[in-house]
Amino acid sequence: MPPWKLADATYADVRAQPYQVAVLPLGATEPHNLHLPYSTDTLEGDVIGARLCEAAWQRGAKVVLLPTIPYGTETNQMACPLSLNLNPSTLARVIEDLVESLVGHGIVKIVLLNSHGGNDLKPVLRELYGRSPAKLFLCNWYQVLKDVYREIFAAPDDHAGEMETSLALAYFPHLVARRADGTLAADQGQTAETRFAAINAGWVSITRPWHLLTTNTGAGNPHQASADKGHRAMEVLVQRLAPFLVELAAAELDERFPY
């Protein structure tokens, strides 16, 4: 079993490893249009975390991938059946307790690998700074692809669109629902505009009620997705984030860290 994946490791594996960095993926349980599973964000955290940690381990970094938290903040999706919510304050307490556990086991370099756009985690870093010896880092992995997104994908993806569907086709295709003719069992992912120009322009923000924003919870057209695009996106994520894990593992914890 891979010693960098805690869920699969044995006690003997763990006792033998001087882990330097812990990666904690955060997912969600929520609908993703009519074709992707409720576990999409969690599965993305699993597979992306696994690829990153494996690549870092192969370069000598003693990293450990923790099991993905399968619940996130869903206050704006509660009109969608069986969206399972952790309020931001509750999620923050869960993270704080896990961080405390890791610190107690001697691991203070911790990366939060977030897969769910509804998880606003920067306040957690701010609140724990100075209160905990932990050195926390936050990566919303979908933002890592922002500058190359158009080189890989044709349509924007806010939720269950081309990018997420491509990752699903690449890494958990058996969970992607199709119609009898083989096409995705999804609508076009159209979204509604509000009645306020300033919100539509992005000058003013709200928490978006998903049952009013979307038709079937999809925000982004998934129909040009492919497994190849999912693999290309993963290559970029590994190329950009695995070296960070290697550098973090090797970094000295002095009074100037991380500068």
C-alpha atoms as a PDB file:
ATOM      1  CA  MET A   1       0.000   0.000   0.000  1.00  0.00           C
ATOM      2  CA  PRO A   2       1.278   3.545  -0.708  1.00  0.00           C
ATOM      3  CA  PRO A   3       2.628   5.003   2.544  1.00  0.00           C
ATOM      4  CA  TRP A   4       1.641   8.502   1.401  1.00  0.00           C
ATOM      5  CA  LYS A   5      -2.089   7.646   1.419  1.00  0.00           C
ATOM      6  CA  LEU A   6      -3.305   7.437   4.995  1.00  0.00           C
ATOM      7  CA  ALA A   7      -6.613   5.737   4.165  1.00  0.00           C
ATOM      8  CA  ASP A   8      -4.756   2.760   2.697  1.00  0.00           C
ATOM      9  CA  ALA A   9      -1.732   2.708   5.001  1.00  0.00           C
ATOM     10  CA  THR A  10      -1.277   0.369   7.942  1.00  0.00           C
ATOM     11  CA  TYR A  11      -0.101   1.260  11.410  1.00  0.00           C
ATOM     12  CA  ALA A  12       3.232  -0.313  10.533  1.00  0.00           C
ATOM     13  CA  ASP A  13       3.481   1.924   7.439  1.00  0.00           C
ATOM     14  CA  VAL A  14       2.699   5.077   9.384  1.00  0.00           C
ATOM     15  CA  ARG A  15       5.049   4.339  12.282  1.00  0.00           C
ATOM     16  CA  ALA A  16       7.913   3.965   9.820  1.00  0.00           C
ATOM     17  CA  GLN A  17       7.415   7.330   8.094  1.00  0.00           C
ATOM     18  CA  PRO A  18       8.711  10.730   9.279  1.00  0.00           C
ATOM     19  CA  TYR A  19       5.914  12.673   7.587  1.00  0.00           C
ATOM     20  CA  GLN A  20       6.710  16.325   6.931  1.00  0.00           C
ATOM     21  CA  VAL A  21       3.545  17.601   5.204  1.00  0.00           C
ATOM     22  CA  ALA A  22      -0.131  16.676   5.475  1.00  0.00           C
ATOM     23  CA  VAL A  23      -2.568  17.332   2.627  1.00  0.00           C
ATOM     24  CA  LEU A  24      -6.224  17.585   3.638  1.00  0.00           C
ATOM     25  CA  PRO A  25      -8.665  17.592   0.699  1.00  0.00           C
ATOM     26  CA  LEU A  26     -12.107  19.127   1.217  1.00  0.00           C
ATOM     27  CA  GLY A  27     -15.084  18.080  -0.894  1.00  0.00           C
ATOM     28  CA  ALA A  28     -18.864  18.296  -0.708  1.00  0.00           C
ATOM     29  CA  THR A  29     -22.066  16.318  -1.077  1.00  0.00           C
ATOM     30  CA  GLU A  30     -24.304  18.111  -3.565  1.00  0.00           C
ATOM     31  CA  PRO A  31     -25.948  17.616  -6.974  1.00  0.00           C
ATOM     32  CA  HIS A  32     -23.925  18.224 -10.131  1.00  0.00           C
ATOM     33  CA  ASN A  33     -26.434  18.614 -12.979  1.00  0.00           C
ATOM     34  CA  LEU A  34     -28.106  15.373 -14.102  1.00  0.00           C
ATOM     35  CA  HIS A  35     -24.967  13.472 -15.107  1.00  0.00           C
ATOM     36  CA  LEU A  36     -22.364  13.722 -12.318  1.00  0.00           C
ATOM     37  CA  PRO A  37     -22.572  12.137  -8.862  1.00  0.00           C
ATOM     38  CA  TYR A  38     -23.196  13.965  -5.600  1.00  0.00           C
ATOM     39  CA  SER A  39     -19.665  12.963  -4.606  1.00  0.00           C
ATOM     40  CA  THR A  40     -17.991  14.787  -7.522  1.00  0.00           C
ATOM     41  CA  ASP A  41     -16.103  17.341  -5.412  1.00  0.00           C
ATOM     42  CA  THR A  42     -15.018  14.655  -2.963  1.00  0.00           C
ATOM     43  CA  LEU A  43     -13.826  12.326  -5.725  1.00  0.00           C
ATOM     44  CA  GLU A  44     -11.897  15.204  -7.294  1.00  0.00           C
ATOM     45  CA  GLY A  45     -10.208  15.827  -3.946  1.00  0.00           C
ATOM     46  CA  ASP A  46      -9.339  12.135  -3.709  1.00  0.00           C
ATOM     47  CA  VAL A  47      -7.845  11.775  -7.162  1.00  0.00           C
ATOM     48  CA  ILE A  48      -6.087  15.141  -7.379  1.00  0.00           C
ATOM     49  CA  GLY A  49      -4.677  14.751  -3.880  1.00  0.00           C
ATOM     50  CA  ALA A  50      -3.469  11.260  -4.733  1.00  0.00           C
ATOM     51  CA  ARG A  51      -1.724  12.344  -7.937  1.00  0.00           C
ATOM     52  CA  LEU A  52      -0.037  15.288  -6.226  1.00  0.00           C
ATOM     53  CA  CYS A  53       1.150  13.329  -3.205  1.00  0.00           C
ATOM     54  CA  GLU A  54       2.376  10.404  -5.289  1.00  0.00           C
ATOM     55  CA  ALA A  55       4.411  12.732  -7.507  1.00  0.00           C
ATOM     56  CA  ALA A  56       5.847  14.561  -4.497  1.00  0.00           C
ATOM     57  CA  TRP A  57       6.666  11.294  -2.703  1.00  0.00           C
ATOM     58  CA  GLN A  58       8.520  10.029  -5.760  1.00  0.00           C
ATOM     59  CA  ARG A  59      10.689  13.159  -5.514  1.00  0.00           C
ATOM     60  CA  GLY A  60      11.562  12.436  -1.912  1.00  0.00           C
ATOM     61  CA  ALA A  61       8.957  14.507  -0.063  1.00  0.00           C
ATOM     62  CA  LYS A  62       7.462  12.798   2.988  1.00  0.00           C
ATOM     63  CA  VAL A  63       3.848  13.845   2.410  1.00  0.00           C
ATOM     64  CA  VAL A  64       0.700  12.181   3.690  1.00  0.00           C
ATOM     65  CA  LEU A  65      -2.687  12.463   2.017  1.00  0.00           C
ATOM     66  CA  LEU A  66      -5.546  12.503   4.497  1.00  0.00           C
ATOM     67  CA  PRO A  67      -9.054  11.219   3.679  1.00  0.00           C
ATOM     68  CA  THR A  68     -11.165  13.853   1.952  1.00  0.00           C
ATOM     69  CA  ILE A  69     -13.803  15.591   4.057  1.00  0.00           C
ATOM     70  CA  PRO A  70     -16.987  14.709   2.117  1.00  0.00           C
ATOM     71  CA  TYR A  71     -19.139  17.603   3.373  1.00  0.00           C
ATOM     72  CA  GLY A  72     -18.907  21.335   2.771  1.00  0.00           C
ATOM     73  CA  THR A  73     -20.898  24.550   2.973  1.00  0.00           C
ATOM     74  CA  GLU A  74     -24.188  24.183   1.082  1.00  0.00           C
ATOM     75  CA  THR A  75     -26.385  26.914   2.544  1.00  0.00           C
ATOM     76  CA  ASN A  76     -27.302  28.144  -0.939  1.00  0.00           C
ATOM     77  CA  GLN A  77     -28.142  24.644  -2.228  1.00  0.00           C
ATOM     78  CA  MET A  78     -30.493  23.552   0.513  1.00  0.00           C
ATOM     79  CA  ALA A  79     -33.468  23.737  -1.856  1.00  0.00           C
ATOM     80  CA  CYS A  80     -31.771  20.901  -3.797  1.00  0.00           C
ATOM     81  CA  PRO A  81     -32.641  17.516  -2.264  1.00  0.00           C
ATOM     82  CA  LEU A  82     -29.947  15.913  -0.099  1.00  0.00           C
ATOM     83  CA  SER A  83     -27.396  18.649  -0.366  1.00  0.00           C
ATOM     84  CA  LEU A  84     -25.668  18.124   2.980  1.00  0.00           C
ATOM     85  CA  ASN A  85     -24.488  21.296   4.666  1.00  0.00           C
ATOM     86  CA  LEU A  86     -21.773  22.193   7.146  1.00  0.00           C
ATOM     87  CA  ASN A  87     -22.072  25.858   8.086  1.00  0.00           C
ATOM     88  CA  PRO A  88     -18.838  27.829   7.611  1.00  0.00           C
ATOM     89  CA  SER A  89     -18.328  28.021  11.371  1.00  0.00           C
ATOM     90  CA  THR A  90     -18.876  24.263  11.722  1.00  0.00           C
ATOM     91  CA  LEU A  91     -16.473  23.449   8.897  1.00  0.00           C
ATOM     92  CA  ALA A  92     -13.909  25.765  10.469  1.00  0.00           C
ATOM     93  CA  ARG A  93     -14.193  23.865  13.764  1.00  0.00           C
ATOM     94  CA  VAL A  94     -13.772  20.512  11.982  1.00  0.00           C
ATOM     95  CA  ILE A  95     -10.623  21.779  10.282  1.00  0.00           C
ATOM     96  CA  GLU A  96      -9.345  23.256  13.531  1.00  0.00           C
ATOM     97  CA  ASP A  97      -9.787  19.929  15.349  1.00  0.00           C
ATOM     98  CA  LEU A  98      -7.989  18.025  12.587  1.00  0.00           C
ATOM     99  CA  VAL A  99      -5.171  20.575  12.534  1.00  0.00           C
ATOM    100  CA  GLU A 100      -4.825  20.187  16.293  1.00  0.00           C
ATOM    101  CA  SER A 101      -4.600  16.416  15.838  1.00  0.00           C
ATOM    102  CA  LEU A 102      -1.871  16.763  13.216  1.00  0.00           C
ATOM    103  CA  VAL A 103       0.116  19.187  15.351  1.00  0.00           C
ATOM    104  CA  GLY A 104      -0.127  16.723  18.219  1.00  0.00           C
ATOM    105  CA  HIS A 105       1.412  14.108  15.935  1.00  0.00           C
ATOM    106  CA  GLY A 106       4.267  16.424  15.020  1.00  0.00           C
ATOM    107  CA  ILE A 107       3.031  17.564  11.580  1.00  0.00           C
ATOM    108  CA  VAL A 108       2.738  21.345  11.369  1.00  0.00           C
ATOM    109  CA  LYS A 109       2.987  21.909   7.594  1.00  0.00           C
ATOM    110  CA  ILE A 110      -0.582  21.429   6.401  1.00  0.00           C
ATOM    111  CA  VAL A 111      -2.140  22.052   2.980  1.00  0.00           C
ATOM    112  CA  LEU A 112      -5.902  22.426   2.610  1.00  0.00           C
ATOM    113  CA  LEU A 113      -6.715  21.163  -0.906  1.00  0.00           C
ATOM    114  CA  ASN A 114     -10.183  22.526  -1.595  1.00  0.00           C
ATOM    115  CA  SER A 115     -12.489  21.083  -4.270  1.00  0.00           C
ATOM    116  CA  HIS A 116     -15.706  22.954  -3.436  1.00  0.00           C
ATOM    117  CA  GLY A 117     -16.352  26.557  -4.423  1.00  0.00           C
ATOM    118  CA  GLY A 118     -18.765  26.994  -1.530  1.00  0.00           C
ATOM    119  CA  ASN A 119     -15.973  26.446   1.010  1.00  0.00           C
ATOM    120  CA  ASP A 120     -14.584  29.856   1.983  1.00  0.00           C
ATOM    121  CA  LEU A 121     -11.495  28.758   3.893  1.00  0.00           C
ATOM    122  CA  LYS A 122      -9.204  31.803   3.965  1.00  0.00           C
ATOM    123  CA  PRO A 123     -10.810  32.987   7.246  1.00  0.00           C
ATOM    124  CA  VAL A 124      -9.768  29.657   8.817  1.00  0.00           C
ATOM    125  CA  LEU A 125      -6.124  30.406   8.015  1.00  0.00           C
ATOM    126  CA  ARG A 126      -6.479  33.897   9.448  1.00  0.00           C
ATOM    127  CA  GLU A 127      -8.157  32.695  12.627  1.00  0.00           C
ATOM    128  CA  LEU A 128      -5.607  29.961  13.332  1.00  0.00           C
ATOM    129  CA  TYR A 129      -2.619  32.152  12.540  1.00  0.00           C
ATOM    130  CA  GLY A 130      -0.901  32.904  15.821  1.00  0.00           C
ATOM    131  CA  ARG A 131      -3.201  30.586  17.769  1.00  0.00           C
ATOM    132  CA  SER A 132      -1.697  27.390  16.430  1.00  0.00           C
ATOM    133  CA  PRO A 133       1.864  26.339  15.624  1.00  0.00           C
ATOM    134  CA  ALA A 134       0.495  24.913  12.377  1.00  0.00           C
ATOM    135  CA  LYS A 135       1.687  26.426   9.107  1.00  0.00           C
ATOM    136  CA  LEU A 136      -1.435  26.373   6.959  1.00  0.00           C
ATOM    137  CA  PHE A 137      -1.654  26.694   3.197  1.00  0.00           C
ATOM    138  CA  LEU A 138      -4.825  26.850   1.089  1.00  0.00           C
ATOM    139  CA  CYS A 139      -5.101  25.657  -2.500  1.00  0.00           C
ATOM    140  CA  ASN A 140      -8.386  25.892  -4.403  1.00  0.00           C
ATOM    141  CA  TRP A 141      -7.127  23.589  -7.142  1.00  0.00           C
ATOM    142  CA  TYR A 142      -9.539  24.854  -9.808  1.00  0.00           C
ATOM    143  CA  GLN A 143      -7.908  28.302  -9.596  1.00  0.00           C
ATOM    144  CA  VAL A 144      -4.548  26.778 -10.519  1.00  0.00           C
ATOM    145  CA  LEU A 145      -5.886  26.212 -14.042  1.00  0.00           C
ATOM    146  CA  LYS A 146      -7.185  29.746 -14.536  1.00  0.00           C
ATOM    147  CA  ASP A 147      -4.453  31.024 -16.863  1.00  0.00           C
ATOM    148  CA  VAL A 148      -4.460  27.895 -19.066  1.00  0.00           C
ATOM    149  CA  TYR A 149      -8.157  27.115 -18.878  1.00  0.00           C
ATOM    150  CA  ARG A 150      -8.916  28.278 -22.424  1.00  0.00           C
ATOM    151  CA  GLU A 151      -6.035  26.218 -23.788  1.00  0.00           C
ATOM    152  CA  ILE A 152      -7.790  23.064 -22.582  1.00  0.00           C
ATOM    153  CA  PHE A 153     -11.511  23.788 -22.394  1.00  0.00           C
ATOM    154  CA  ALA A 154     -13.992  25.488 -24.709  1.00  0.00           C
ATOM    155  CA  ALA A 155     -16.747  26.481 -22.261  1.00  0.00           C
ATOM    156  CA  PRO A 156     -16.581  28.116 -18.823  1.00  0.00           C
ATOM    157  CA  ASP A 157     -17.228  25.833 -15.864  1.00  0.00           C
ATOM    158  CA  ASP A 158     -18.748  27.148 -12.667  1.00  0.00           C
ATOM    159  CA  HIS A 159     -20.250  23.855 -11.500  1.00  0.00           C
ATOM    160  CA  ALA A 160     -20.624  20.492 -13.273  1.00  0.00           C
ATOM    161  CA  GLY A 161     -19.504  21.966 -16.586  1.00  0.00           C
ATOM    162  CA  GLU A 162     -16.793  21.018 -19.049  1.00  0.00           C
ATOM    163  CA  MET A 163     -13.845  20.920 -16.649  1.00  0.00           C
ATOM    164  CA  GLU A 164     -15.491  18.881 -13.906  1.00  0.00           C
ATOM    165  CA  THR A 165     -17.071  16.549 -16.425  1.00  0.00           C
ATOM    166  CA  SER A 166     -13.725  16.025 -18.162  1.00  0.00           C
ATOM    167  CA  LEU A 167     -12.100  15.093 -14.860  1.00  0.00           C
ATOM    168  CA  ALA A 168     -14.961  12.710 -14.162  1.00  0.00           C
ATOM    169  CA  LEU A 169     -14.626  11.092 -17.598  1.00  0.00           C
ATOM    170  CA  ALA A 170     -10.905  10.674 -17.002  1.00  0.00           C
ATOM    171  CA  TYR A 171     -10.922   9.393 -13.420  1.00  0.00           C
ATOM    172  CA  PHE A 172     -14.383   8.074 -12.483  1.00  0.00           C
ATOM    173  CA  PRO A 173     -16.181   7.504 -15.814  1.00  0.00           C
ATOM    174  CA  HIS A 174     -18.370   4.713 -14.417  1.00  0.00           C
ATOM    175  CA  LEU A 175     -20.222   7.356 -12.381  1.00  0.00           C
ATOM    176  CA  VAL A 176     -21.033   9.646 -15.320  1.00  0.00           C
ATOM    177  CA  ALA A 177     -24.662   9.189 -16.412  1.00  0.00           C
ATOM    178  CA  ARG A 178     -25.501   8.992 -20.110  1.00  0.00           C
ATOM    179  CA  ARG A 179     -28.645   8.816 -22.192  1.00  0.00           C
ATOM    180  CA  ALA A 180     -29.498   5.818 -24.353  1.00  0.00           C
ATOM    181  CA  ASP A 181     -27.771   7.464 -27.337  1.00  0.00           C
ATOM    182  CA  GLY A 182     -24.516   7.820 -25.393  1.00  0.00           C
ATOM    183  CA  THR A 183     -24.705  11.568 -24.814  1.00  0.00           C
ATOM    184  CA  LEU A 184     -24.376  13.042 -21.357  1.00  0.00           C
ATOM    185  CA  ALA A 185     -27.570  12.989 -19.306  1.00  0.00           C
ATOM    186  CA  ALA A 186     -27.183  16.720 -18.695  1.00  0.00           C
ATOM    187  CA  ASP A 187     -28.786  19.974 -19.688  1.00  0.00           C
ATOM    188  CA  GLN A 188     -26.761  22.843 -21.146  1.00  0.00           C
ATOM    189  CA  GLY A 189     -25.857  24.297 -17.753  1.00  0.00           C
ATOM    190  CA  GLN A 190     -27.543  27.622 -18.405  1.00  0.00           C
ATOM    191  CA  THR A 191     -27.614  30.147 -15.562  1.00  0.00           C
ATOM    192  CA  ALA A 192     -30.022  32.994 -14.855  1.00  0.00           C
ATOM    193  CA  GLU A 193     -29.052  36.611 -14.335  1.00  0.00           C
ATOM    194  CA  THR A 194     -30.299  38.608 -11.381  1.00  0.00           C
ATOM    195  CA  ARG A 195     -32.349  41.766 -11.828  1.00  0.00           C
ATOM    196  CA  PHE A 196     -29.387  43.874 -10.666  1.00  0.00           C
ATOM    197  CA  ALA A 197     -26.769  45.007 -13.195  1.00  0.00           C
ATOM    198  CA  ALA A 198     -24.117  45.501 -10.510  1.00  0.00           C
ATOM    199  CA  ILE A 199     -24.411  41.858  -9.424  1.00  0.00           C
ATOM    200  CA  ASN A 200     -24.383  40.584 -13.000  1.00  0.00           C
ATOM    201  CA  ALA A 201     -21.239  42.641 -13.681  1.00  0.00           C
ATOM    202  CA  GLY A 202     -19.487  41.243 -10.602  1.00  0.00           C
ATOM    203  CA  TRP A 203     -19.305  44.557  -8.742  1.00  0.00           C
ATOM    204  CA  VAL A 204     -21.599  43.322  -5.983  1.00  0.00           C
ATOM    205  CA  SER A 205     -21.665  39.739  -4.718  1.00  0.00           C
ATOM    206  CA  ILE A 206     -24.332  37.584  -3.091  1.00  0.00           C
ATOM    207  CA  THR A 207     -24.636  33.979  -2.045  1.00  0.00           C
ATOM    208  CA  ARG A 208     -26.371  32.542  -5.071  1.00  0.00           C
ATOM    209  CA  PRO A 209     -29.537  30.470  -4.460  1.00  0.00           C
ATOM    210  CA  TRP A 210     -28.779  27.524  -6.699  1.00  0.00           C
ATOM    211  CA  HIS A 211     -32.397  26.563  -7.388  1.00  0.00           C
ATOM    212  CA  LEU A 212     -32.958  30.029  -8.881  1.00  0.00           C
ATOM    213  CA  LEU A 213     -29.599  30.320 -10.632  1.00  0.00           C
ATOM    214  CA  THR A 214     -29.756  26.992 -12.499  1.00  0.00           C
ATOM    215  CA  THR A 215     -32.196  24.544 -14.084  1.00  0.00           C
ATOM    216  CA  ASN A 216     -30.772  21.273 -12.759  1.00  0.00           C
ATOM    217  CA  THR A 217     -27.870  22.574 -10.602  1.00  0.00           C
ATOM    218  CA  GLY A 218     -25.421  22.716 -13.518  1.00  0.00           C
ATOM    219  CA  ALA A 219     -23.621  26.010 -14.188  1.00  0.00           C
ATOM    220  CA  GLY A 220     -21.556  25.524 -17.330  1.00  0.00           C
ATOM    221  CA  ASN A 221     -22.061  23.499 -20.496  1.00  0.00           C
ATOM    222  CA  PRO A 222     -20.517  20.009 -20.077  1.00  0.00           C
ATOM    223  CA  HIS A 223     -21.141  18.636 -23.562  1.00  0.00           C
ATOM    224  CA  GLN A 224     -17.663  19.255 -25.000  1.00  0.00           C
ATOM    225  CA  ALA A 225     -15.990  17.434 -22.129  1.00  0.00           C
ATOM    226  CA  SER A 226     -13.602  14.549 -22.745  1.00  0.00           C
ATOM    227  CA  ALA A 227     -11.323  12.267 -20.785  1.00  0.00           C
ATOM    228  CA  ASP A 228      -8.344  13.660 -22.693  1.00  0.00           C
ATOM    229  CA  LYS A 229      -9.115  17.174 -21.428  1.00  0.00           C
ATOM    230  CA  GLY A 230      -9.356  15.798 -17.897  1.00  0.00           C
ATOM    231  CA  HIS A 231      -5.925  14.186 -18.214  1.00  0.00           C
ATOM    232  CA  ARG A 232      -4.456  17.419 -19.606  1.00  0.00           C
ATOM    233  CA  ALA A 233      -5.841  19.390 -16.680  1.00  0.00           C
ATOM    234  CA  MET A 234      -4.378  16.885 -14.239  1.00  0.00           C
ATOM    235  CA  GLU A 235      -0.974  17.185 -15.881  1.00  0.00           C
ATOM    236  CA  VAL A 236      -1.008  20.928 -15.241  1.00  0.00           C
ATOM    237  CA  LEU A 237      -2.072  20.456 -11.624  1.00  0.00           C
ATOM    238  CA  VAL A 238       0.710  17.950 -10.965  1.00  0.00           C
ATOM    239  CA  GLN A 239       3.331  20.046 -12.763  1.00  0.00           C
ATOM    240  CA  ARG A 240       2.436  23.116 -10.720  1.00  0.00           C
ATOM    241  CA  LEU A 241       1.557  21.739  -7.292  1.00  0.00           C
ATOM    242  CA  ALA A 242       3.768  18.683  -6.753  1.00  0.00           C
ATOM    243  CA  PRO A 243       6.942  20.848  -6.753  1.00  0.00           C
ATOM    244  CA  PHE A 244       5.328  23.051  -4.106  1.00  0.00           C
ATOM    245  CA  LEU A 245       4.809  20.010  -1.873  1.00  0.00           C
ATOM    246  CA  VAL A 246       8.436  19.000  -2.390  1.00  0.00           C
ATOM    247  CA  GLU A 247       9.653  22.507  -1.514  1.00  0.00           C
ATOM    248  CA  LEU A 248       7.352  22.692   1.498  1.00  0.00           C
ATOM    249  CA  ALA A 249       8.570  19.356   2.847  1.00  0.00           C
ATOM    250  CA  ALA A 250      12.187  20.485   2.592  1.00  0.00           C
ATOM    251  CA  ALA A 251      11.644  24.003   3.948  1.00  0.00           C
ATOM    252  CA  GLU A 252      13.231  24.895   7.279  1.00  0.00           C
ATOM    253  CA  LEU A 253      10.860  26.060   9.990  1.00  0.00           C
ATOM    254  CA  ASP A 254      12.651  29.160  11.220  1.00  0.00           C
ATOM    255  CA  GLU A 255      11.474  32.550  12.449  1.00  0.00           C
ATOM    256  CA  ARG A 256      11.219  33.868   8.875  1.00  0.00           C
ATOM    257  CA  PHE A 257       9.137  30.960   7.516  1.00  0.00           C
ATOM    258  CA  PRO A 258       7.671  31.075   4.876  1.00  0.00           C
ATOM    259  CA  TYR A 259       9.809  34.052   3.778  1.00  0.00           C
END
